[in-house]
Amino acid sequence: MAAQSSTIEFFERRPLQEFEVGVRKFVPLRVTNLQVDYDDGLWAVSLSPLDAVGSSQDFRAARQKLFEYIDFLWNEFVQCPEQELGETGKMQRELLLELFSVS
């Protein structure tokens, strides 16, 4: 049986710019690219350092889902008292703090 080729199309890498989720404003502290892919009507926007992905049939909705997931991670790992985090949680917290300034 022959392997099927993937229909995923790599579109581009876009620089991550500041964004807002609710009352929080996320400002990138270093140049980081979002990867944008399209596969059979589904957009995927990802931020590889966090292994975070937002997907939707609409590009803007996919990007917004990614931003909302980053906000969720911020709540889970940065807003949480550090002593309550395990080693993996502490690593995730450090990465988020290296990537973003949040106000």
N, C-alpha and C. Protein backbone atom coordinates (compact mmCIF):
# COMPACT_ATOMS: atom_id res chain seq x y z
N MET A 1 0.83 -1.17 0.00
CA MET A 1 0.00 0.00 0.00
C MET A 1 0.89 1.24 0.00
N ALA A 2 0.65 2.14 -0.90
CA ALA A 2 1.46 3.35 -1.03
C ALA A 2 1.07 4.37 0.03
N ALA A 3 2.05 5.09 0.50
CA ALA A 3 1.78 6.14 1.49
C ALA A 3 1.09 7.31 0.82
N GLN A 4 0.11 7.88 1.50
CA GLN A 4 -0.58 9.04 0.96
C GLN A 4 0.23 10.29 1.28
N SER A 5 0.24 11.20 0.32
CA SER A 5 0.96 12.44 0.57
C SER A 5 0.10 13.36 1.44
N SER A 6 0.74 14.16 2.21
CA SER A 6 0.05 15.09 3.10
C SER A 6 -0.51 16.25 2.30
N THR A 7 -1.68 16.72 2.70
CA THR A 7 -2.27 17.87 2.03
C THR A 7 -2.00 19.16 2.80
N ILE A 8 -1.21 19.08 3.84
CA ILE A 8 -0.90 20.27 4.63
C ILE A 8 -0.04 21.21 3.80
N GLU A 9 -0.46 22.45 3.75
CA GLU A 9 0.31 23.46 3.05
C GLU A 9 0.92 24.40 4.08
N PHE A 10 2.23 24.57 4.00
CA PHE A 10 2.91 25.54 4.86
C PHE A 10 2.74 26.89 4.18
N PHE A 11 2.16 27.84 4.89
CA PHE A 11 1.97 29.15 4.31
C PHE A 11 3.10 30.10 4.64
N GLU A 12 3.33 30.32 5.87
CA GLU A 12 4.35 31.31 6.22
C GLU A 12 4.61 31.31 7.71
N ARG A 13 5.65 32.03 8.03
CA ARG A 13 5.93 32.34 9.43
C ARG A 13 5.69 33.84 9.56
N ARG A 14 4.93 34.19 10.56
CA ARG A 14 4.63 35.60 10.81
C ARG A 14 5.19 35.98 12.17
N PRO A 15 5.80 37.15 12.27
CA PRO A 15 6.27 37.58 13.59
C PRO A 15 5.10 37.75 14.55
N LEU A 16 5.27 37.24 15.75
CA LEU A 16 4.26 37.41 16.78
C LEU A 16 4.29 38.85 17.24
N GLN A 17 3.14 39.49 17.22
CA GLN A 17 3.03 40.87 17.67
C GLN A 17 2.18 40.90 18.94
N GLU A 18 2.17 42.04 19.59
CA GLU A 18 1.39 42.13 20.83
C GLU A 18 -0.08 41.81 20.54
N PHE A 19 -0.73 41.24 21.55
CA PHE A 19 -2.14 40.89 21.42
C PHE A 19 -2.80 40.99 22.79
N GLU A 20 -4.11 41.09 22.76
CA GLU A 20 -4.89 41.19 23.99
C GLU A 20 -5.87 40.03 24.09
N VAL A 21 -6.03 39.54 25.30
CA VAL A 21 -7.06 38.55 25.62
C VAL A 21 -7.72 39.06 26.89
N GLY A 22 -8.98 39.41 26.80
CA GLY A 22 -9.67 39.99 27.95
C GLY A 22 -8.99 41.28 28.35
N VAL A 23 -8.62 41.38 29.62
CA VAL A 23 -7.98 42.60 30.13
C VAL A 23 -6.45 42.54 30.03
N ARG A 24 -5.91 41.41 29.61
CA ARG A 24 -4.45 41.25 29.53
C ARG A 24 -3.92 41.64 28.16
N LYS A 25 -2.78 42.32 28.20
CA LYS A 25 -2.06 42.66 26.97
C LYS A 25 -0.73 41.91 27.00
N PHE A 26 -0.50 41.05 26.01
CA PHE A 26 0.72 40.26 25.90
C PHE A 26 1.66 40.95 24.92
N VAL A 27 2.87 41.26 25.37
CA VAL A 27 3.87 41.89 24.52
C VAL A 27 5.06 40.94 24.42
N PRO A 28 5.40 40.48 23.21
CA PRO A 28 6.55 39.59 23.06
C PRO A 28 7.85 40.29 23.49
N LEU A 29 8.70 39.56 24.20
CA LEU A 29 9.97 40.10 24.66
C LEU A 29 11.11 39.78 23.70
N ARG A 30 10.86 38.89 22.77
CA ARG A 30 11.87 38.55 21.76
C ARG A 30 11.15 38.23 20.46
N VAL A 31 11.88 38.29 19.38
CA VAL A 31 11.29 37.99 18.08
C VAL A 31 10.94 36.50 18.04
N THR A 32 9.69 36.23 17.86
CA THR A 32 9.18 34.87 17.81
C THR A 32 8.19 34.79 16.66
N ASN A 33 8.26 33.73 15.88
CA ASN A 33 7.37 33.59 14.73
C ASN A 33 6.22 32.64 15.02
N LEU A 34 5.06 33.01 14.49
CA LEU A 34 3.92 32.11 14.44
C LEU A 34 4.04 31.32 13.15
N GLN A 35 3.74 30.04 13.19
CA GLN A 35 3.69 29.26 11.95
C GLN A 35 2.23 29.13 11.55
N VAL A 36 1.97 29.37 10.28
CA VAL A 36 0.61 29.30 9.75
C VAL A 36 0.56 28.17 8.73
N ASP A 37 -0.37 27.24 8.93
CA ASP A 37 -0.55 26.11 8.02
C ASP A 37 -2.02 26.02 7.63
N TYR A 38 -2.26 25.41 6.48
CA TYR A 38 -3.63 25.20 5.99
C TYR A 38 -3.75 23.76 5.52
N ASP A 39 -4.79 23.06 5.97
CA ASP A 39 -4.98 21.66 5.61
C ASP A 39 -6.46 21.39 5.40
N ASP A 40 -6.84 21.16 4.16
CA ASP A 40 -8.22 20.80 3.82
C ASP A 40 -9.27 21.66 4.52
N GLY A 41 -9.13 22.97 4.41
CA GLY A 41 -10.12 23.88 4.96
C GLY A 41 -9.91 24.26 6.41
N LEU A 42 -8.83 23.79 7.02
CA LEU A 42 -8.57 24.08 8.42
C LEU A 42 -7.26 24.86 8.57
N TRP A 43 -7.34 26.02 9.18
CA TRP A 43 -6.16 26.82 9.48
C TRP A 43 -5.59 26.39 10.82
N ALA A 44 -4.29 26.34 10.90
CA ALA A 44 -3.60 26.07 12.17
C ALA A 44 -2.54 27.15 12.36
N VAL A 45 -2.61 27.82 13.49
CA VAL A 45 -1.64 28.85 13.83
C VAL A 45 -0.94 28.37 15.09
N SER A 46 0.38 28.25 15.03
CA SER A 46 1.09 27.66 16.17
C SER A 46 2.27 28.51 16.62
N LEU A 47 2.58 28.36 17.89
CA LEU A 47 3.74 28.99 18.51
C LEU A 47 4.58 27.85 19.10
N SER A 48 5.60 27.46 18.35
CA SER A 48 6.33 26.24 18.69
C SER A 48 7.05 26.27 20.04
N PRO A 49 7.61 27.40 20.51
CA PRO A 49 8.27 27.32 21.81
C PRO A 49 7.35 26.85 22.94
N LEU A 50 6.05 27.13 22.81
CA LEU A 50 5.08 26.70 23.83
C LEU A 50 4.34 25.44 23.42
N ASP A 51 4.61 24.95 22.23
CA ASP A 51 3.87 23.80 21.69
C ASP A 51 2.37 24.09 21.74
N ALA A 52 2.00 25.31 21.33
CA ALA A 52 0.62 25.78 21.39
C ALA A 52 0.07 25.96 19.97
N VAL A 53 -1.17 25.53 19.77
CA VAL A 53 -1.81 25.60 18.45
C VAL A 53 -3.25 26.04 18.61
N GLY A 54 -3.68 26.90 17.69
CA GLY A 54 -5.09 27.24 17.56
C GLY A 54 -5.52 26.86 16.16
N SER A 55 -6.68 26.24 16.02
CA SER A 55 -7.13 25.84 14.69
C SER A 55 -8.60 26.15 14.50
N SER A 56 -8.95 26.45 13.26
CA SER A 56 -10.33 26.78 12.91
C SER A 56 -10.43 26.84 11.39
N GLN A 57 -11.65 26.85 10.90
CA GLN A 57 -11.86 27.02 9.46
C GLN A 57 -11.61 28.47 9.04
N ASP A 58 -11.55 29.37 10.00
CA ASP A 58 -11.29 30.78 9.75
C ASP A 58 -9.92 31.14 10.33
N PHE A 59 -9.09 31.81 9.55
CA PHE A 59 -7.74 32.14 10.00
C PHE A 59 -7.75 32.98 11.27
N ARG A 60 -8.56 34.03 11.29
CA ARG A 60 -8.58 34.92 12.47
C ARG A 60 -9.05 34.18 13.72
N ALA A 61 -10.01 33.30 13.55
CA ALA A 61 -10.50 32.50 14.69
C ALA A 61 -9.40 31.56 15.18
N ALA A 62 -8.63 30.98 14.27
CA ALA A 62 -7.53 30.09 14.67
C ALA A 62 -6.48 30.87 15.46
N ARG A 63 -6.15 32.05 14.98
CA ARG A 63 -5.17 32.88 15.69
C ARG A 63 -5.70 33.28 17.07
N GLN A 64 -6.98 33.63 17.15
CA GLN A 64 -7.57 34.01 18.43
C GLN A 64 -7.58 32.83 19.41
N LYS A 65 -7.85 31.63 18.90
CA LYS A 65 -7.82 30.44 19.77
C LYS A 65 -6.42 30.22 20.33
N LEU A 66 -5.40 30.45 19.50
CA LEU A 66 -4.02 30.34 19.98
C LEU A 66 -3.78 31.35 21.10
N PHE A 67 -4.19 32.59 20.88
CA PHE A 67 -3.98 33.63 21.89
C PHE A 67 -4.72 33.29 23.18
N GLU A 68 -5.93 32.77 23.06
CA GLU A 68 -6.69 32.38 24.26
C GLU A 68 -6.02 31.22 24.99
N TYR A 69 -5.39 30.31 24.23
CA TYR A 69 -4.67 29.21 24.87
C TYR A 69 -3.43 29.72 25.61
N ILE A 70 -2.74 30.69 25.01
CA ILE A 70 -1.59 31.29 25.68
C ILE A 70 -2.04 31.96 26.98
N ASP A 71 -3.18 32.63 26.94
CA ASP A 71 -3.74 33.24 28.15
C ASP A 71 -4.06 32.17 29.19
N PHE A 72 -4.61 31.05 28.76
CA PHE A 72 -4.89 29.93 29.66
C PHE A 72 -3.59 29.44 30.31
N LEU A 73 -2.54 29.28 29.50
CA LEU A 73 -1.25 28.85 30.05
C LEU A 73 -0.72 29.86 31.07
N TRP A 74 -0.91 31.14 30.77
CA TRP A 74 -0.47 32.19 31.70
C TRP A 74 -1.19 32.04 33.04
N ASN A 75 -2.49 31.81 32.98
CA ASN A 75 -3.27 31.60 34.21
C ASN A 75 -2.77 30.39 34.98
N GLU A 76 -2.52 29.31 34.28
CA GLU A 76 -2.14 28.05 34.92
C GLU A 76 -0.74 28.07 35.52
N PHE A 77 0.21 28.72 34.83
CA PHE A 77 1.60 28.59 35.23
C PHE A 77 2.23 29.85 35.80
N VAL A 78 1.75 31.02 35.42
CA VAL A 78 2.35 32.26 35.93
C VAL A 78 1.53 32.82 37.08
N GLN A 79 0.22 32.77 36.98
CA GLN A 79 -0.64 33.28 38.04
C GLN A 79 -0.65 32.35 39.26
N CYS A 80 -0.33 31.10 39.04
CA CYS A 80 -0.30 30.11 40.12
C CYS A 80 0.94 30.35 40.99
N PRO A 81 0.83 30.21 42.31
CA PRO A 81 2.02 30.32 43.16
C PRO A 81 3.08 29.29 42.73
N GLU A 82 4.30 29.76 42.59
CA GLU A 82 5.38 28.90 42.07
C GLU A 82 5.58 27.64 42.90
N GLN A 83 5.39 27.72 44.21
CA GLN A 83 5.60 26.54 45.07
C GLN A 83 4.57 25.45 44.80
N GLU A 84 3.47 25.77 44.13
CA GLU A 84 2.46 24.77 43.81
C GLU A 84 2.74 24.05 42.49
N LEU A 85 3.75 24.50 41.76
CA LEU A 85 4.07 23.91 40.46
C LEU A 85 5.09 22.79 40.60
N GLY A 86 4.96 21.78 39.75
CA GLY A 86 5.98 20.75 39.64
C GLY A 86 7.11 21.25 38.76
N GLU A 87 8.07 20.39 38.49
CA GLU A 87 9.23 20.80 37.68
C GLU A 87 8.82 21.22 36.27
N THR A 88 7.93 20.46 35.65
CA THR A 88 7.48 20.81 34.30
C THR A 88 6.72 22.13 34.31
N GLY A 89 5.89 22.33 35.31
CA GLY A 89 5.15 23.59 35.45
C GLY A 89 6.08 24.78 35.63
N LYS A 90 7.14 24.58 36.40
CA LYS A 90 8.12 25.65 36.60
C LYS A 90 8.84 25.99 35.30
N MET A 91 9.13 24.96 34.52
CA MET A 91 9.78 25.20 33.22
C MET A 91 8.85 25.98 32.29
N GLN A 92 7.58 25.60 32.28
CA GLN A 92 6.59 26.29 31.45
C GLN A 92 6.46 27.75 31.90
N ARG A 93 6.44 27.96 33.20
CA ARG A 93 6.35 29.31 33.76
C ARG A 93 7.52 30.16 33.29
N GLU A 94 8.73 29.62 33.41
CA GLU A 94 9.94 30.35 33.00
C GLU A 94 9.89 30.70 31.52
N LEU A 95 9.44 29.77 30.70
CA LEU A 95 9.35 30.02 29.27
C LEU A 95 8.35 31.14 28.97
N LEU A 96 7.19 31.09 29.59
CA LEU A 96 6.19 32.15 29.40
C LEU A 96 6.75 33.51 29.81
N LEU A 97 7.46 33.55 30.93
CA LEU A 97 8.03 34.82 31.40
C LEU A 97 9.16 35.31 30.50
N GLU A 98 9.85 34.39 29.83
CA GLU A 98 10.88 34.78 28.86
C GLU A 98 10.26 35.30 27.57
N LEU A 99 9.10 34.77 27.21
CA LEU A 99 8.46 35.14 25.95
C LEU A 99 7.64 36.42 26.02
N PHE A 100 7.00 36.69 27.17
CA PHE A 100 6.02 37.77 27.23
C PHE A 100 6.17 38.68 28.44
N SER A 101 5.85 39.93 28.21
CA SER A 101 5.55 40.88 29.27
C SER A 101 4.04 41.06 29.21
N VAL A 102 3.38 40.96 30.36
CA VAL A 102 1.92 41.02 30.38
C VAL A 102 1.47 42.12 31.32
N SER A 103 0.55 42.92 30.82
CA SER A 103 -0.02 43.99 31.66
C SER A 103 -1.53 43.94 31.61
